[in-house]
Amino acid sequence: MDIETFREYCLSLPGTTEGMKWDHLCFMIEEKIFVIIAIDEGNRFSTKCTPEEFDELTARDGIQQAFHMAKRQWVQVADLEVLNDAELKKRVETSRALVLAKLPKRVQEKYN
């Protein structure tokens, strides 16, 4: 998946906004980041994951613990080509769902 298709997919999810933080492109729901991507550094990106997914994901080539993020809760993927399109979409959806689940119930109801 190329960066424009990736961007369009992220923005297609209900309530998603984009912005720049720390010189990285961020996709957010209710101002909470669920994908952060280094567009000037080969499209390396990070997503939230469950502790159970963490070991499985980091066992794969091109995926490691995300720097400066919660330990065992965020992974960094070397570039958009590490995952196929279906896996990439699932990774984004899972990350968004995990971030949304931490928001107040009344906010969650807007997106369910």
PDB file of N, CA and C in Angstrom:
ATOM      1  N   MET A   1       0.860  -1.172   0.000  1.00  0.00           N
ATOM      2  CA  MET A   1       0.000   0.000   0.000  1.00  0.00           C
ATOM      3  C   MET A   1       0.906   1.234   0.000  1.00  0.00           C
ATOM      4  N   ASP A   2       0.586   2.206  -0.824  1.00  0.00           N
ATOM      5  CA  ASP A   2       1.373   3.435  -0.832  1.00  0.00           C
ATOM      6  C   ASP A   2       0.840   4.398   0.233  1.00  0.00           C
ATOM      7  N   ILE A   3       1.590   5.460   0.485  1.00  0.00           N
ATOM      8  CA  ILE A   3       1.262   6.377   1.574  1.00  0.00           C
ATOM      9  C   ILE A   3      -0.079   7.082   1.350  1.00  0.00           C
ATOM     10  N   GLU A   4      -0.405   7.429   0.120  1.00  0.00           N
ATOM     11  CA  GLU A   4      -1.683   8.111  -0.141  1.00  0.00           C
ATOM     12  C   GLU A   4      -2.872   7.187   0.111  1.00  0.00           C
ATOM     13  N   THR A   5      -2.762   5.935  -0.309  1.00  0.00           N
ATOM     14  CA  THR A   5      -3.829   4.965  -0.066  1.00  0.00           C
ATOM     15  C   THR A   5      -3.963   4.713   1.430  1.00  0.00           C
ATOM     16  N   PHE A   6      -2.838   4.615   2.116  1.00  0.00           N
ATOM     17  CA  PHE A   6      -2.836   4.424   3.566  1.00  0.00           C
ATOM     18  C   PHE A   6      -3.532   5.600   4.248  1.00  0.00           C
ATOM     19  N   ARG A   7      -3.182   6.818   3.842  1.00  0.00           N
ATOM     20  CA  ARG A   7      -3.789   8.026   4.403  1.00  0.00           C
ATOM     21  C   ARG A   7      -5.291   8.033   4.168  1.00  0.00           C
ATOM     22  N   GLU A   8      -5.709   7.738   2.945  1.00  0.00           N
ATOM     23  CA  GLU A   8      -7.136   7.717   2.612  1.00  0.00           C
ATOM     24  C   GLU A   8      -7.874   6.677   3.450  1.00  0.00           C
ATOM     25  N   TYR A   9      -7.262   5.523   3.642  1.00  0.00           N
ATOM     26  CA  TYR A   9      -7.899   4.485   4.446  1.00  0.00           C
ATOM     27  C   TYR A   9      -8.076   4.958   5.893  1.00  0.00           C
ATOM     28  N   CYS A  10      -7.011   5.484   6.482  1.00  0.00           N
ATOM     29  CA  CYS A  10      -7.105   5.962   7.869  1.00  0.00           C
ATOM     30  C   CYS A  10      -8.199   7.017   8.006  1.00  0.00           C
ATOM     31  N   LEU A  11      -8.247   7.960   7.073  1.00  0.00           N
ATOM     32  CA  LEU A  11      -9.240   9.035   7.143  1.00  0.00           C
ATOM     33  C   LEU A  11     -10.662   8.548   6.869  1.00  0.00           C
ATOM     34  N   SER A  12     -10.804   7.379   6.265  1.00  0.00           N
ATOM     35  CA  SER A  12     -12.137   6.830   5.990  1.00  0.00           C
ATOM     36  C   SER A  12     -12.810   6.276   7.246  1.00  0.00           C
ATOM     37  N   LEU A  13     -12.030   6.046   8.298  1.00  0.00           N
ATOM     38  CA  LEU A  13     -12.593   5.517   9.536  1.00  0.00           C
ATOM     39  C   LEU A  13     -13.321   6.635  10.277  1.00  0.00           C
ATOM     40  N   PRO A  14     -14.531   6.364  10.769  1.00  0.00           N
ATOM     41  CA  PRO A  14     -15.343   7.407  11.418  1.00  0.00           C
ATOM     42  C   PRO A  14     -14.604   8.150  12.530  1.00  0.00           C
ATOM     43  N   GLY A  15     -14.679   9.474  12.478  1.00  0.00           N
ATOM     44  CA  GLY A  15     -14.110  10.303  13.524  1.00  0.00           C
ATOM     45  C   GLY A  15     -12.618  10.549  13.425  1.00  0.00           C
ATOM     46  N   THR A  16     -11.977  10.031  12.368  1.00  0.00           N
ATOM     47  CA  THR A  16     -10.533  10.175  12.245  1.00  0.00           C
ATOM     48  C   THR A  16     -10.157  11.565  11.749  1.00  0.00           C
ATOM     49  N   THR A  17      -9.174  12.135  12.413  1.00  0.00           N
ATOM     50  CA  THR A  17      -8.580  13.394  11.975  1.00  0.00           C
ATOM     51  C   THR A  17      -7.088  13.153  11.797  1.00  0.00           C
ATOM     52  N   GLU A  18      -6.445  14.081  11.089  1.00  0.00           N
ATOM     53  CA  GLU A  18      -4.999  13.968  10.929  1.00  0.00           C
ATOM     54  C   GLU A  18      -4.348  15.260  11.388  1.00  0.00           C
ATOM     55  N   GLY A  19      -3.099  15.142  11.774  1.00  0.00           N
ATOM     56  CA  GLY A  19      -2.347  16.306  12.197  1.00  0.00           C
ATOM     57  C   GLY A  19      -0.879  15.953  12.287  1.00  0.00           C
ATOM     58  N   MET A  20      -0.072  16.959  12.530  1.00  0.00           N
ATOM     59  CA  MET A  20       1.367  16.760  12.664  1.00  0.00           C
ATOM     60  C   MET A  20       1.763  16.942  14.126  1.00  0.00           C
ATOM     61  N   LYS A  21       2.533  15.993  14.639  1.00  0.00           N
ATOM     62  CA  LYS A  21       3.100  16.078  15.985  1.00  0.00           C
ATOM     63  C   LYS A  21       4.517  15.528  15.909  1.00  0.00           C
ATOM     64  N   TRP A  22       5.440  16.232  16.512  1.00  0.00           N
ATOM     65  CA  TRP A  22       6.847  15.788  16.531  1.00  0.00           C
ATOM     66  C   TRP A  22       7.367  15.512  15.121  1.00  0.00           C
ATOM     67  N   ASP A  23       6.939  16.303  14.151  1.00  0.00           N
ATOM     68  CA  ASP A  23       7.343  16.142  12.744  1.00  0.00           C
ATOM     69  C   ASP A  23       6.889  14.814  12.147  1.00  0.00           C
ATOM     70  N   HIS A  24       5.833  14.237  12.687  1.00  0.00           N
ATOM     71  CA  HIS A  24       5.260  12.992  12.180  1.00  0.00           C
ATOM     72  C   HIS A  24       3.779  13.217  11.878  1.00  0.00           C
ATOM     73  N   LEU A  25       3.282  12.519  10.873  1.00  0.00           N
ATOM     74  CA  LEU A  25       1.861  12.555  10.541  1.00  0.00           C
ATOM     75  C   LEU A  25       1.124  11.636  11.505  1.00  0.00           C
ATOM     76  N   CYS A  26       0.082  12.150  12.138  1.00  0.00           N
ATOM     77  CA  CYS A  26      -0.682  11.370  13.110  1.00  0.00           C
ATOM     78  C   CYS A  26      -2.129  11.244  12.665  1.00  0.00           C
ATOM     79  N   PHE A  27      -2.690  10.078  12.874  1.00  0.00           N
ATOM     80  CA  PHE A  27      -4.119   9.859  12.679  1.00  0.00           C
ATOM     81  C   PHE A  27      -4.702   9.654  14.068  1.00  0.00           C
ATOM     82  N   MET A  28      -5.783  10.398  14.344  1.00  0.00           N
ATOM     83  CA  MET A  28      -6.309  10.456  15.700  1.00  0.00           C
ATOM     84  C   MET A  28      -7.822  10.287  15.717  1.00  0.00           C
ATOM     85  N   ILE A  29      -8.306   9.865  16.867  1.00  0.00           N
ATOM     86  CA  ILE A  29      -9.736   9.885  17.139  1.00  0.00           C
ATOM     87  C   ILE A  29      -9.888  10.653  18.443  1.00  0.00           C
ATOM     88  N   GLU A  30     -10.714  11.687  18.424  1.00  0.00           N
ATOM     89  CA  GLU A  30     -10.900  12.551  19.593  1.00  0.00           C
ATOM     90  C   GLU A  30      -9.549  13.049  20.123  1.00  0.00           C
ATOM     91  N   GLU A  31      -8.666  13.426  19.196  1.00  0.00           N
ATOM     92  CA  GLU A  31      -7.336  13.969  19.522  1.00  0.00           C
ATOM     93  C   GLU A  31      -6.387  12.962  20.163  1.00  0.00           C
ATOM     94  N   LYS A  32      -6.743  11.676  20.152  1.00  0.00           N
ATOM     95  CA  LYS A  32      -5.869  10.624  20.680  1.00  0.00           C
ATOM     96  C   LYS A  32      -5.277   9.860  19.499  1.00  0.00           C
ATOM     97  N   ILE A  33      -3.963   9.758  19.465  1.00  0.00           N
ATOM     98  CA  ILE A  33      -3.254   9.131  18.341  1.00  0.00           C
ATOM     99  C   ILE A  33      -3.490   7.628  18.317  1.00  0.00           C
ATOM    100  N   PHE A  34      -3.810   7.112  17.121  1.00  0.00           N
ATOM    101  CA  PHE A  34      -3.842   5.655  16.953  1.00  0.00           C
ATOM    102  C   PHE A  34      -2.856   5.185  15.888  1.00  0.00           C
ATOM    103  N   VAL A  35      -2.366   6.083  15.043  1.00  0.00           N
ATOM    104  CA  VAL A  35      -1.279   5.782  14.103  1.00  0.00           C
ATOM    105  C   VAL A  35      -0.392   7.016  14.040  1.00  0.00           C
ATOM    106  N   ILE A  36       0.906   6.789  14.134  1.00  0.00           N
ATOM    107  CA  ILE A  36       1.874   7.865  13.948  1.00  0.00           C
ATOM    108  C   ILE A  36       2.882   7.377  12.916  1.00  0.00           C
ATOM    109  N   ILE A  37       3.110   8.196  11.889  1.00  0.00           N
ATOM    110  CA  ILE A  37       3.931   7.760  10.768  1.00  0.00           C
ATOM    111  C   ILE A  37       4.993   8.794  10.428  1.00  0.00           C
ATOM    112  N   ALA A  38       6.197   8.306  10.209  1.00  0.00           N
ATOM    113  CA  ALA A  38       7.325   9.160   9.848  1.00  0.00           C
ATOM    114  C   ALA A  38       7.410   9.232   8.329  1.00  0.00           C
ATOM    115  N   ILE A  39       6.675  10.166   7.749  1.00  0.00           N
ATOM    116  CA  ILE A  39       6.591  10.220   6.281  1.00  0.00           C
ATOM    117  C   ILE A  39       7.902  10.634   5.614  1.00  0.00           C
ATOM    118  N   ASP A  40       8.769  11.300   6.347  1.00  0.00           N
ATOM    119  CA  ASP A  40      10.053  11.706   5.778  1.00  0.00           C
ATOM    120  C   ASP A  40      11.159  10.682   6.024  1.00  0.00           C
ATOM    121  N   GLU A  41      10.816   9.593   6.675  1.00  0.00           N
ATOM    122  CA  GLU A  41      11.824   8.578   7.025  1.00  0.00           C
ATOM    123  C   GLU A  41      11.422   7.199   6.525  1.00  0.00           C
ATOM    124  N   GLY A  42      10.969   7.091   5.302  1.00  0.00           N
ATOM    125  CA  GLY A  42      10.642   5.801   4.715  1.00  0.00           C
ATOM    126  C   GLY A  42       9.306   5.229   5.132  1.00  0.00           C
ATOM    127  N   ASN A  43       8.417   6.061   5.641  1.00  0.00           N
ATOM    128  CA  ASN A  43       7.061   5.641   6.020  1.00  0.00           C
ATOM    129  C   ASN A  43       7.023   4.656   7.177  1.00  0.00           C
ATOM    130  N   ARG A  44       7.978   4.739   8.074  1.00  0.00           N
ATOM    131  CA  ARG A  44       7.956   3.951   9.309  1.00  0.00           C
ATOM    132  C   ARG A  44       6.764   4.433  10.131  1.00  0.00           C
ATOM    133  N   PHE A  45       6.007   3.499  10.720  1.00  0.00           N
ATOM    134  CA  PHE A  45       4.837   3.907  11.484  1.00  0.00           C
ATOM    135  C   PHE A  45       4.663   3.061  12.730  1.00  0.00           C
ATOM    136  N   SER A  46       3.895   3.613  13.678  1.00  0.00           N
ATOM    137  CA  SER A  46       3.614   2.907  14.933  1.00  0.00           C
ATOM    138  C   SER A  46       2.112   2.849  15.159  1.00  0.00           C
ATOM    139  N   THR A  47       1.673   1.723  15.748  1.00  0.00           N
ATOM    140  CA  THR A  47       0.274   1.534  16.104  1.00  0.00           C
ATOM    141  C   THR A  47       0.191   0.915  17.497  1.00  0.00           C
ATOM    142  N   LYS A  48      -0.937   1.111  18.127  1.00  0.00           N
ATOM    143  CA  LYS A  48      -1.204   0.501  19.425  1.00  0.00           C
ATOM    144  C   LYS A  48      -1.536  -0.980  19.204  1.00  0.00           C
ATOM    145  N   CYS A  49      -1.204  -1.810  20.180  1.00  0.00           N
ATOM    146  CA  CYS A  49      -1.527  -3.239  20.104  1.00  0.00           C
ATOM    147  C   CYS A  49      -1.826  -3.742  21.514  1.00  0.00           C
ATOM    148  N   THR A  50      -2.359  -4.934  21.598  1.00  0.00           N
ATOM    149  CA  THR A  50      -2.572  -5.551  22.900  1.00  0.00           C
ATOM    150  C   THR A  50      -1.270  -6.234  23.329  1.00  0.00           C
ATOM    151  N   PRO A  51      -1.082  -6.445  24.622  1.00  0.00           N
ATOM    152  CA  PRO A  51       0.106  -7.183  25.067  1.00  0.00           C
ATOM    153  C   PRO A  51       0.182  -8.580  24.439  1.00  0.00           C
ATOM    154  N   GLU A  52      -0.971  -9.179  24.183  1.00  0.00           N
ATOM    155  CA  GLU A  52      -0.998 -10.512  23.561  1.00  0.00           C
ATOM    156  C   GLU A  52      -0.502 -10.459  22.118  1.00  0.00           C
ATOM    157  N   GLU A  53      -0.857  -9.419  21.394  1.00  0.00           N
ATOM    158  CA  GLU A  53      -0.411  -9.266  20.006  1.00  0.00           C
ATOM    159  C   GLU A  53       1.066  -8.892  19.924  1.00  0.00           C
ATOM    160  N   PHE A  54       1.549  -8.212  20.948  1.00  0.00           N
ATOM    161  CA  PHE A  54       2.899  -7.662  20.922  1.00  0.00           C
ATOM    162  C   PHE A  54       3.951  -8.714  20.572  1.00  0.00           C
ATOM    163  N   ASP A  55       3.948  -9.839  21.276  1.00  0.00           N
ATOM    164  CA  ASP A  55       4.962 -10.872  21.033  1.00  0.00           C
ATOM    165  C   ASP A  55       4.860 -11.430  19.620  1.00  0.00           C
ATOM    166  N   GLU A  56       3.644 -11.668  19.165  1.00  0.00           N
ATOM    167  CA  GLU A  56       3.442 -12.193  17.813  1.00  0.00           C
ATOM    168  C   GLU A  56       3.936 -11.197  16.759  1.00  0.00           C
ATOM    169  N   LEU A  57       3.594  -9.939  16.943  1.00  0.00           N
ATOM    170  CA  LEU A  57       3.988  -8.922  15.966  1.00  0.00           C
ATOM    171  C   LEU A  57       5.494  -8.693  15.951  1.00  0.00           C
ATOM    172  N   THR A  58       6.103  -8.569  17.134  1.00  0.00           N
ATOM    173  CA  THR A  58       7.540  -8.273  17.178  1.00  0.00           C
ATOM    174  C   THR A  58       8.402  -9.467  16.778  1.00  0.00           C
ATOM    175  N   ALA A  59       7.818 -10.636  16.663  1.00  0.00           N
ATOM    176  CA  ALA A  59       8.552 -11.805  16.172  1.00  0.00           C
ATOM    177  C   ALA A  59       8.753 -11.729  14.656  1.00  0.00           C
ATOM    178  N   ARG A  60       8.008 -10.863  14.003  1.00  0.00           N
ATOM    179  CA  ARG A  60       8.093 -10.717  12.546  1.00  0.00           C
ATOM    180  C   ARG A  60       9.208  -9.743  12.164  1.00  0.00           C
ATOM    181  N   ASP A  61       9.833 -10.007  11.024  1.00  0.00           N
ATOM    182  CA  ASP A  61      10.841  -9.088  10.505  1.00  0.00           C
ATOM    183  C   ASP A  61      10.196  -7.748  10.194  1.00  0.00           C
ATOM    184  N   GLY A  62      10.871  -6.681  10.566  1.00  0.00           N
ATOM    185  CA  GLY A  62      10.392  -5.336  10.257  1.00  0.00           C
ATOM    186  C   GLY A  62       9.442  -4.755  11.281  1.00  0.00           C
ATOM    187  N   ILE A  63       9.200  -5.477  12.391  1.00  0.00           N
ATOM    188  CA  ILE A  63       8.314  -4.961  13.449  1.00  0.00           C
ATOM    189  C   ILE A  63       9.047  -5.065  14.778  1.00  0.00           C
ATOM    190  N   GLN A  64       9.021  -3.977  15.528  1.00  0.00           N
ATOM    191  CA  GLN A  64       9.673  -3.949  16.841  1.00  0.00           C
ATOM    192  C   GLN A  64       8.869  -3.084  17.793  1.00  0.00           C
ATOM    193  N   GLN A  65       9.293  -3.059  19.047  1.00  0.00           N
ATOM    194  CA  GLN A  65       8.639  -2.183  20.016  1.00  0.00           C
ATOM    195  C   GLN A  65       8.835  -0.742  19.565  1.00  0.00           C
ATOM    196  N   ALA A  66       7.787   0.060  19.663  1.00  0.00           N
ATOM    197  CA  ALA A  66       7.871   1.470  19.285  1.00  0.00           C
ATOM    198  C   ALA A  66       8.653   2.244  20.345  1.00  0.00           C
ATOM    199  N   PHE A  67       9.566   3.067  19.878  1.00  0.00           N
ATOM    200  CA  PHE A  67      10.336   3.907  20.776  1.00  0.00           C
ATOM    201  C   PHE A  67       9.444   4.989  21.371  1.00  0.00           C
ATOM    202  N   HIS A  68       9.689   5.354  22.596  1.00  0.00           N
ATOM    203  CA  HIS A  68       8.999   6.461  23.271  1.00  0.00           C
ATOM    204  C   HIS A  68       7.500   6.227  23.442  1.00  0.00           C
ATOM    205  N   MET A  69       7.044   5.006  23.353  1.00  0.00           N
ATOM    206  CA  MET A  69       5.623   4.689  23.524  1.00  0.00           C
ATOM    207  C   MET A  69       5.512   3.650  24.640  1.00  0.00           C
ATOM    208  N   ALA A  70       4.291   3.423  25.110  1.00  0.00           N
ATOM    209  CA  ALA A  70       4.065   2.487  26.203  1.00  0.00           C
ATOM    210  C   ALA A  70       4.622   1.101  25.859  1.00  0.00           C
ATOM    211  N   LYS A  71       5.421   0.572  26.744  1.00  0.00           N
ATOM    212  CA  LYS A  71       6.080  -0.712  26.531  1.00  0.00           C
ATOM    213  C   LYS A  71       5.061  -1.838  26.346  1.00  0.00           C
ATOM    214  N   ARG A  72       5.263  -2.640  25.313  1.00  0.00           N
ATOM    215  CA  ARG A  72       4.425  -3.793  24.965  1.00  0.00           C
ATOM    216  C   ARG A  72       3.001  -3.391  24.555  1.00  0.00           C
ATOM    217  N   GLN A  73       2.769  -2.099  24.329  1.00  0.00           N
ATOM    218  CA  GLN A  73       1.451  -1.648  23.904  1.00  0.00           C
ATOM    219  C   GLN A  73       1.485  -0.934  22.554  1.00  0.00           C
ATOM    220  N   TRP A  74       2.676  -0.658  22.042  1.00  0.00           N
ATOM    221  CA  TRP A  74       2.832  -0.021  20.734  1.00  0.00           C
ATOM    222  C   TRP A  74       3.939  -0.736  19.977  1.00  0.00           C
ATOM    223  N   VAL A  75       3.706  -0.953  18.695  1.00  0.00           N
ATOM    224  CA  VAL A  75       4.732  -1.532  17.831  1.00  0.00           C
ATOM    225  C   VAL A  75       5.080  -0.543  16.732  1.00  0.00           C
ATOM    226  N   GLN A  76       6.306  -0.662  16.246  1.00  0.00           N
ATOM    227  CA  GLN A  76       6.769   0.155  15.136  1.00  0.00           C
ATOM    228  C   GLN A  76       7.018  -0.772  13.949  1.00  0.00           C
ATOM    229  N   VAL A  77       6.436  -0.416  12.821  1.00  0.00           N
ATOM    230  CA  VAL A  77       6.580  -1.194  11.592  1.00  0.00           C
ATOM    231  C   VAL A  77       7.517  -0.413  10.673  1.00  0.00           C
ATOM    232  N   ALA A  78       8.532  -1.100  10.143  1.00  0.00           N
ATOM    233  CA  ALA A  78       9.599  -0.436   9.389  1.00  0.00           C
ATOM    234  C   ALA A  78       9.097   0.370   8.189  1.00  0.00           C
ATOM    235  N   ASP A  79       8.102  -0.145   7.479  1.00  0.00           N
ATOM    236  CA  ASP A  79       7.492   0.601   6.378  1.00  0.00           C
ATOM    237  C   ASP A  79       6.178  -0.052   5.986  1.00  0.00           C
ATOM    238  N   LEU A  80       5.465   0.571   5.084  1.00  0.00           N
ATOM    239  CA  LEU A  80       4.125   0.100   4.695  1.00  0.00           C
ATOM    240  C   LEU A  80       4.138  -1.233   3.967  1.00  0.00           C
ATOM    241  N   GLU A  81       5.307  -1.672   3.504  1.00  0.00           N
ATOM    242  CA  GLU A  81       5.405  -2.931   2.757  1.00  0.00           C
ATOM    243  C   GLU A  81       5.595  -4.158   3.652  1.00  0.00           C
ATOM    244  N   VAL A  82       5.833  -3.960   4.943  1.00  0.00           N
ATOM    245  CA  VAL A  82       6.047  -5.086   5.866  1.00  0.00           C
ATOM    246  C   VAL A  82       4.775  -5.931   5.981  1.00  0.00           C
ATOM    247  N   LEU A  83       3.618  -5.274   5.967  1.00  0.00           N
ATOM    248  CA  LEU A  83       2.331  -5.964   6.085  1.00  0.00           C
ATOM    249  C   LEU A  83       1.589  -5.884   4.757  1.00  0.00           C
ATOM    250  N   ASN A  84       0.835  -6.938   4.428  1.00  0.00           N
ATOM    251  CA  ASN A  84       0.010  -6.842   3.228  1.00  0.00           C
ATOM    252  C   ASN A  84      -1.168  -5.910   3.515  1.00  0.00           C
ATOM    253  N   ASP A  85      -1.922  -5.557   2.488  1.00  0.00           N
ATOM    254  CA  ASP A  85      -2.992  -4.568   2.642  1.00  0.00           C
ATOM    255  C   ASP A  85      -4.018  -4.975   3.703  1.00  0.00           C
ATOM    256  N   ALA A  86      -4.413  -6.239   3.721  1.00  0.00           N
ATOM    257  CA  ALA A  86      -5.411  -6.705   4.690  1.00  0.00           C
ATOM    258  C   ALA A  86      -4.858  -6.609   6.113  1.00  0.00           C
ATOM    259  N   GLU A  87      -3.602  -7.021   6.305  1.00  0.00           N
ATOM    260  CA  GLU A  87      -2.976  -6.936   7.631  1.00  0.00           C
ATOM    261  C   GLU A  87      -2.813  -5.486   8.062  1.00  0.00           C
ATOM    262  N   LEU A  88      -2.457  -4.635   7.129  1.00  0.00           N
ATOM    263  CA  LEU A  88      -2.279  -3.219   7.428  1.00  0.00           C
ATOM    264  C   LEU A  88      -3.585  -2.590   7.879  1.00  0.00           C
ATOM    265  N   LYS A  89      -4.665  -2.882   7.168  1.00  0.00           N
ATOM    266  CA  LYS A  89      -5.981  -2.350   7.548  1.00  0.00           C
ATOM    267  C   LYS A  89      -6.402  -2.875   8.915  1.00  0.00           C
ATOM    268  N   LYS A  90      -6.167  -4.151   9.163  1.00  0.00           N
ATOM    269  CA  LYS A  90      -6.530  -4.742  10.456  1.00  0.00           C
ATOM    270  C   LYS A  90      -5.723  -4.104  11.585  1.00  0.00           C
ATOM    271  N   ARG A  91      -4.425  -3.858  11.327  1.00  0.00           N
ATOM    272  CA  ARG A  91      -3.558  -3.231  12.331  1.00  0.00           C
ATOM    273  C   ARG A  91      -4.091  -1.840  12.690  1.00  0.00           C
ATOM    274  N   VAL A  92      -4.485  -1.059  11.685  1.00  0.00           N
ATOM    275  CA  VAL A  92      -5.017   0.290  11.904  1.00  0.00           C
ATOM    276  C   VAL A  92      -6.341   0.219  12.666  1.00  0.00           C
ATOM    277  N   GLU A  93      -7.227  -0.686  12.253  1.00  0.00           N
ATOM    278  CA  GLU A  93      -8.535  -0.823  12.912  1.00  0.00           C
ATOM    279  C   GLU A  93      -8.379  -1.242  14.371  1.00  0.00           C
ATOM    280  N   THR A  94      -7.476  -2.169  14.628  1.00  0.00           N
ATOM    281  CA  THR A  94      -7.241  -2.628  16.003  1.00  0.00           C
ATOM    282  C   THR A  94      -6.693  -1.490  16.862  1.00  0.00           C
ATOM    283  N   SER A  95      -5.736  -0.764  16.325  1.00  0.00           N
ATOM    284  CA  SER A  95      -5.155   0.352  17.067  1.00  0.00           C
ATOM    285  C   SER A  95      -6.221   1.391  17.391  1.00  0.00           C
ATOM    286  N   ARG A  96      -7.043   1.729  16.412  1.00  0.00           N
ATOM    287  CA  ARG A  96      -8.118   2.710  16.618  1.00  0.00           C
ATOM    288  C   ARG A  96      -9.090   2.221  17.697  1.00  0.00           C
ATOM    289  N   ALA A  97      -9.465   0.942  17.633  1.00  0.00           N
ATOM    290  CA  ALA A  97     -10.406   0.373  18.604  1.00  0.00           C
ATOM    291  C   ALA A  97      -9.824   0.401  20.018  1.00  0.00           C
ATOM    292  N   LEU A  98      -8.541   0.116  20.157  1.00  0.00           N
ATOM    293  CA  LEU A  98      -7.901   0.137  21.469  1.00  0.00           C
ATOM    294  C   LEU A  98      -7.867   1.548  22.045  1.00  0.00           C
ATOM    295  N   VAL A  99      -7.589   2.531  21.209  1.00  0.00           N
ATOM    296  CA  VAL A  99      -7.572   3.923  21.671  1.00  0.00           C
ATOM    297  C   VAL A  99      -8.985   4.372  22.019  1.00  0.00           C
ATOM    298  N   LEU A 100      -9.940   4.035  21.173  1.00  0.00           N
ATOM    299  CA  LEU A 100     -11.336   4.411  21.416  1.00  0.00           C
ATOM    300  C   LEU A 100     -11.851   3.798  22.719  1.00  0.00           C
ATOM    301  N   ALA A 101     -11.447   2.571  23.010  1.00  0.00           N
ATOM    302  CA  ALA A 101     -11.908   1.876  24.221  1.00  0.00           C
ATOM    303  C   ALA A 101     -11.458   2.575  25.501  1.00  0.00           C
ATOM    304  N   LYS A 102     -10.429   3.401  25.436  1.00  0.00           N
ATOM    305  CA  LYS A 102      -9.927   4.128  26.607  1.00  0.00           C
ATOM    306  C   LYS A 102     -10.646   5.464  26.810  1.00  0.00           C
ATOM    307  N   LEU A 103     -11.477   5.862  25.859  1.00  0.00           N
ATOM    308  CA  LEU A 103     -12.201   7.128  25.956  1.00  0.00           C
ATOM    309  C   LEU A 103     -13.491   6.939  26.755  1.00  0.00           C
ATOM    310  N   PRO A 104     -14.070   8.010  27.265  1.00  0.00           N
ATOM    311  CA  PRO A 104     -15.317   7.891  28.028  1.00  0.00           C
ATOM    312  C   PRO A 104     -16.427   7.211  27.220  1.00  0.00           C
ATOM    313  N   LYS A 105     -17.300   6.500  27.909  1.00  0.00           N
ATOM    314  CA  LYS A 105     -18.391   5.744  27.268  1.00  0.00           C
ATOM    315  C   LYS A 105     -19.232   6.613  26.347  1.00  0.00           C
ATOM    316  N   ARG A 106     -19.542   7.830  26.766  1.00  0.00           N
ATOM    317  CA  ARG A 106     -20.387   8.703  25.938  1.00  0.00           C
ATOM    318  C   ARG A 106     -19.683   9.049  24.619  1.00  0.00           C
ATOM    319  N   VAL A 107     -18.354   9.150  24.643  1.00  0.00           N
ATOM    320  CA  VAL A 107     -17.594   9.401  23.422  1.00  0.00           C
ATOM    321  C   VAL A 107     -17.588   8.149  22.552  1.00  0.00           C
ATOM    322  N   GLN A 108     -17.391   6.995  23.167  1.00  0.00           N
ATOM    323  CA  GLN A 108     -17.397   5.732  22.423  1.00  0.00           C
ATOM    324  C   GLN A 108     -18.717   5.529  21.688  1.00  0.00           C
ATOM    325  N   GLU A 109     -19.822   5.902  22.334  1.00  0.00           N
ATOM    326  CA  GLU A 109     -21.149   5.700  21.745  1.00  0.00           C
ATOM    327  C   GLU A 109     -21.314   6.466  20.432  1.00  0.00           C
ATOM    328  N   LYS A 110     -20.602   7.582  20.266  1.00  0.00           N
ATOM    329  CA  LYS A 110     -20.680   8.345  19.016  1.00  0.00           C
ATOM    330  C   LYS A 110     -20.179   7.539  17.824  1.00  0.00           C
ATOM    331  N   TYR A 111     -19.293   6.573  18.082  1.00  0.00           N
ATOM    332  CA  TYR A 111     -18.645   5.829  16.995  1.00  0.00           C
ATOM    333  C   TYR A 111     -19.095   4.384  16.880  1.00  0.00           C
ATOM    334  N   ASN A 112     -19.976   3.936  17.739  1.00  0.00           N
ATOM    335  CA  ASN A 112     -20.465   2.542  17.687  1.00  0.00           C
ATOM    336  C   ASN A 112     -21.773   2.433  16.951  1.00  0.00           C
TER     337      ASN A 112
END
